[in-house]
Structures are given as C-alpha cells and as structure tokens.
Amino acid sequence: MKTLKQLERLRKAHKLIKLEKTGTPAEFAQKLYISERQLYITLEKLKDLDAPIYFNRKRSTYYYGFDFDLLVNVTVQVLVNEELKTIYAGCTILKENFSTARLLQ
C-alpha cells in the first residue's frame, strides 16, 4: 500500500501545482499531510519525471514552467484461486503435488 500512497501523493501534488495553489512549502506539505522533507522528496520525484517545477515567491506557490501533465492510473483486482493458478502457471498445483510426492517417498 506504500506505493499507492506515493502515487496518490504525486497525483495530489501535481494537481495543486497545476492549479498554482500550493502555498509555501510548509503549507504545501500540510495540504499533502506530509513533512516538508517528504515534500521535497515528492517534488524531486516529479522533477525526475521531467516536471518543470519552480517556486514563485511573490505569489507564494509552486508552478510548472511549461505545460506538464501527469496521468496516474491504478487498477486493483481481486483474483480467485483458479485465476492465481493460471497466472503462476500451476505453481500452486506444483506445491500441492510436491507435498504429496514427499509423503509418498
């Protein structure tokens, strides 16, 4: 779930930056429910994705230097036992057979 939280944080940070409604770094961190240190890490992650992030002291907000968009899609799907057997190419079956084979020896 840590990854989902990080993706959601990136999405929310992007939205606030795009709207230019971040406030100071302390306010921005508070809006994301994280520390300022975590905020700077989040901003670095966005910059690693080539986000042109700048801070305007006069307006007291972060903004993008040019048009930048971030699309985050996450799909969570619950799989039943039969689907797992298909995905793992029968590993579940092999484990069951292996246990049985050991008992027969």
C-alpha atoms as a PDB file:
ATOM      1  CA  MET A   1       0.000   0.000   0.000  1.00  0.00           C
ATOM      2  CA  LYS A   2       3.002   2.270   0.361  1.00  0.00           C
ATOM      3  CA  THR A   3       3.234   2.589  -3.418  1.00  0.00           C
ATOM      4  CA  LEU A   4      -0.434   3.532  -3.685  1.00  0.00           C
ATOM      5  CA  LYS A   5       0.067   6.281  -1.099  1.00  0.00           C
ATOM      6  CA  GLN A   6       3.070   7.607  -3.001  1.00  0.00           C
ATOM      7  CA  LEU A   7       1.173   7.618  -6.294  1.00  0.00           C
ATOM      8  CA  GLU A   8      -1.765   9.400  -4.686  1.00  0.00           C
ATOM      9  CA  ARG A   9       0.617  11.950  -3.174  1.00  0.00           C
ATOM     10  CA  LEU A  10       2.200  12.590  -6.594  1.00  0.00           C
ATOM     11  CA  ARG A  11      -1.245  12.985  -8.146  1.00  0.00           C
ATOM     12  CA  LYS A  12      -2.408  15.443  -5.490  1.00  0.00           C
ATOM     13  CA  ALA A  13       0.853  17.423  -5.586  1.00  0.00           C
ATOM     14  CA  HIS A  14       0.586  17.655  -9.378  1.00  0.00           C
ATOM     15  CA  LYS A  15      -2.989  18.906  -9.147  1.00  0.00           C
ATOM     16  CA  LEU A  16      -2.080  21.651  -6.658  1.00  0.00           C
ATOM     17  CA  ILE A  17       0.968  22.709  -8.674  1.00  0.00           C
ATOM     18  CA  LYS A  18      -1.055  22.812 -11.890  1.00  0.00           C
ATOM     19  CA  LEU A  19      -3.676  25.000 -10.178  1.00  0.00           C
ATOM     20  CA  GLU A  20      -0.867  27.088  -8.639  1.00  0.00           C
ATOM     21  CA  LYS A  21      -2.466  26.734  -5.213  1.00  0.00           C
ATOM     22  CA  THR A  22       0.347  25.147  -3.223  1.00  0.00           C
ATOM     23  CA  GLY A  23       1.230  27.967  -0.853  1.00  0.00           C
ATOM     24  CA  THR A  24       4.584  27.966   0.896  1.00  0.00           C
ATOM     25  CA  PRO A  25       6.493  24.695   1.245  1.00  0.00           C
ATOM     26  CA  ALA A  26       5.173  24.351   4.812  1.00  0.00           C
ATOM     27  CA  GLU A  27       1.582  24.938   3.656  1.00  0.00           C
ATOM     28  CA  PHE A  28       2.023  22.608   0.696  1.00  0.00           C
ATOM     29  CA  ALA A  29       3.345  19.847   2.953  1.00  0.00           C
ATOM     30  CA  GLN A  30       0.402  20.358   5.281  1.00  0.00           C
ATOM     31  CA  LYS A  31      -2.047  20.054   2.366  1.00  0.00           C
ATOM     32  CA  LEU A  32      -0.449  16.717   1.472  1.00  0.00           C
ATOM     33  CA  TYR A  33      -0.326  15.580   5.133  1.00  0.00           C
ATOM     34  CA  ILE A  34       3.438  15.078   4.980  1.00  0.00           C
ATOM     35  CA  SER A  35       6.555  16.712   6.400  1.00  0.00           C
ATOM     36  CA  GLU A  36       8.468  19.369   4.476  1.00  0.00           C
ATOM     37  CA  ARG A  37      11.269  16.857   3.987  1.00  0.00           C
ATOM     38  CA  GLN A  38       8.829  14.434   2.362  1.00  0.00           C
ATOM     39  CA  LEU A  39       7.501  17.298   0.250  1.00  0.00           C
ATOM     40  CA  TYR A  40      10.956  17.959  -1.189  1.00  0.00           C
ATOM     41  CA  ILE A  41      11.346  14.246  -1.925  1.00  0.00           C
ATOM     42  CA  THR A  42       7.966  14.273  -3.691  1.00  0.00           C
ATOM     43  CA  LEU A  43       8.973  17.329  -5.722  1.00  0.00           C
ATOM     44  CA  GLU A  44      12.220  15.586  -6.696  1.00  0.00           C
ATOM     45  CA  LYS A  45      10.237  12.561  -7.877  1.00  0.00           C
ATOM     46  CA  LEU A  46       8.136  14.837 -10.071  1.00  0.00           C
ATOM     47  CA  LYS A  47      11.287  16.515 -11.380  1.00  0.00           C
ATOM     48  CA  ASP A  48      12.680  13.050 -12.178  1.00  0.00           C
ATOM     49  CA  LEU A  49       9.636  12.716 -14.449  1.00  0.00           C
ATOM     50  CA  ASP A  50      10.790  15.920 -16.209  1.00  0.00           C
ATOM     51  CA  ALA A  51       8.280  18.165 -14.446  1.00  0.00           C
ATOM     52  CA  PRO A  52       9.476  21.786 -14.785  1.00  0.00           C
ATOM     53  CA  ILE A  53       8.691  22.832 -11.196  1.00  0.00           C
ATOM     54  CA  TYR A  54       9.507  26.331  -9.966  1.00  0.00           C
ATOM     55  CA  PHE A  55       8.523  28.412  -6.950  1.00  0.00           C
ATOM     56  CA  ASN A  56       7.160  31.956  -7.261  1.00  0.00           C
ATOM     57  CA  ARG A  57       7.952  33.862  -4.068  1.00  0.00           C
ATOM     58  CA  LYS A  58       5.706  36.772  -4.943  1.00  0.00           C
ATOM     59  CA  ARG A  59       2.618  34.573  -5.396  1.00  0.00           C
ATOM     60  CA  SER A  60       3.883  32.040  -2.845  1.00  0.00           C
ATOM     61  CA  THR A  61       3.188  28.966  -4.948  1.00  0.00           C
ATOM     62  CA  TYR A  62       4.886  26.260  -6.952  1.00  0.00           C
ATOM     63  CA  TYR A  63       4.100  26.202 -10.656  1.00  0.00           C
ATOM     64  CA  TYR A  64       5.094  24.435 -13.856  1.00  0.00           C
ATOM     65  CA  GLY A  65       7.437  26.328 -16.178  1.00  0.00           C
ATOM     66  CA  PHE A  66       5.625  24.921 -19.197  1.00  0.00           C
ATOM     67  CA  ASP A  67       2.609  22.734 -19.829  1.00  0.00           C
ATOM     68  CA  PHE A  68       3.108  19.457 -17.981  1.00  0.00           C
ATOM     69  CA  ASP A  69       0.603  16.744 -17.242  1.00  0.00           C
ATOM     70  CA  LEU A  70       0.774  13.637 -15.113  1.00  0.00           C
ATOM     71  CA  LEU A  71      -1.578  10.725 -15.545  1.00  0.00           C
ATOM     72  CA  VAL A  72      -1.722   8.183 -12.723  1.00  0.00           C
ATOM     73  CA  ASN A  73      -3.887   5.098 -13.202  1.00  0.00           C
ATOM     74  CA  VAL A  74      -4.029   2.273 -10.696  1.00  0.00           C
ATOM     75  CA  THR A  75      -6.119  -0.840 -11.063  1.00  0.00           C
ATOM     76  CA  VAL A  76      -6.656  -3.246  -8.202  1.00  0.00           C
ATOM     77  CA  GLN A  77      -8.262  -6.577  -8.939  1.00  0.00           C
ATOM     78  CA  VAL A  78      -9.060  -9.417  -6.574  1.00  0.00           C
ATOM     79  CA  LEU A  79      -8.183 -12.824  -8.016  1.00  0.00           C
ATOM     80  CA  VAL A  80      -9.752 -16.110  -7.042  1.00  0.00           C
ATOM     81  CA  ASN A  81      -7.765 -19.305  -6.567  1.00  0.00           C
ATOM     82  CA  GLU A  82      -8.298 -20.602 -10.134  1.00  0.00           C
ATOM     83  CA  GLU A  83      -7.053 -17.321 -11.624  1.00  0.00           C
ATOM     84  CA  LEU A  84      -3.958 -17.470  -9.428  1.00  0.00           C
ATOM     85  CA  LYS A  85      -3.166 -20.961 -10.688  1.00  0.00           C
ATOM     86  CA  THR A  86      -3.324 -19.656 -14.246  1.00  0.00           C
ATOM     87  CA  ILE A  87      -1.123 -16.637 -13.508  1.00  0.00           C
ATOM     88  CA  TYR A  88       1.513 -18.612 -11.646  1.00  0.00           C
ATOM     89  CA  ALA A  89       1.486 -21.318 -14.337  1.00  0.00           C
ATOM     90  CA  GLY A  90       0.435 -24.021 -11.943  1.00  0.00           C
ATOM     91  CA  CYS A  91       2.899 -23.240  -9.153  1.00  0.00           C
ATOM     92  CA  THR A  92       0.129 -23.679  -6.620  1.00  0.00           C
ATOM     93  CA  ILE A  93      -0.638 -27.103  -8.056  1.00  0.00           C
ATOM     94  CA  LEU A  94       3.044 -27.997  -8.136  1.00  0.00           C
ATOM     95  CA  LYS A  95       3.446 -27.114  -4.474  1.00  0.00           C
ATOM     96  CA  GLU A  96       0.484 -29.333  -3.597  1.00  0.00           C
ATOM     97  CA  ASN A  97       1.869 -32.176  -5.733  1.00  0.00           C
ATOM     98  CA  PHE A  98       5.341 -31.712  -4.269  1.00  0.00           C
ATOM     99  CA  SER A  99       3.976 -32.102  -0.738  1.00  0.00           C
ATOM    100  CA  THR A 100       2.091 -35.230  -1.783  1.00  0.00           C
ATOM    101  CA  ALA A 101       5.174 -36.642  -3.525  1.00  0.00           C
ATOM    102  CA  ARG A 102       7.285 -36.149  -0.403  1.00  0.00           C
ATOM    103  CA  LEU A 103       4.732 -38.035   1.682  1.00  0.00           C
ATOM    104  CA  LEU A 104       4.791 -40.977  -0.738  1.00  0.00           C
ATOM    105  CA  GLN A 105       8.584 -41.358  -0.575  1.00  0.00           C
END
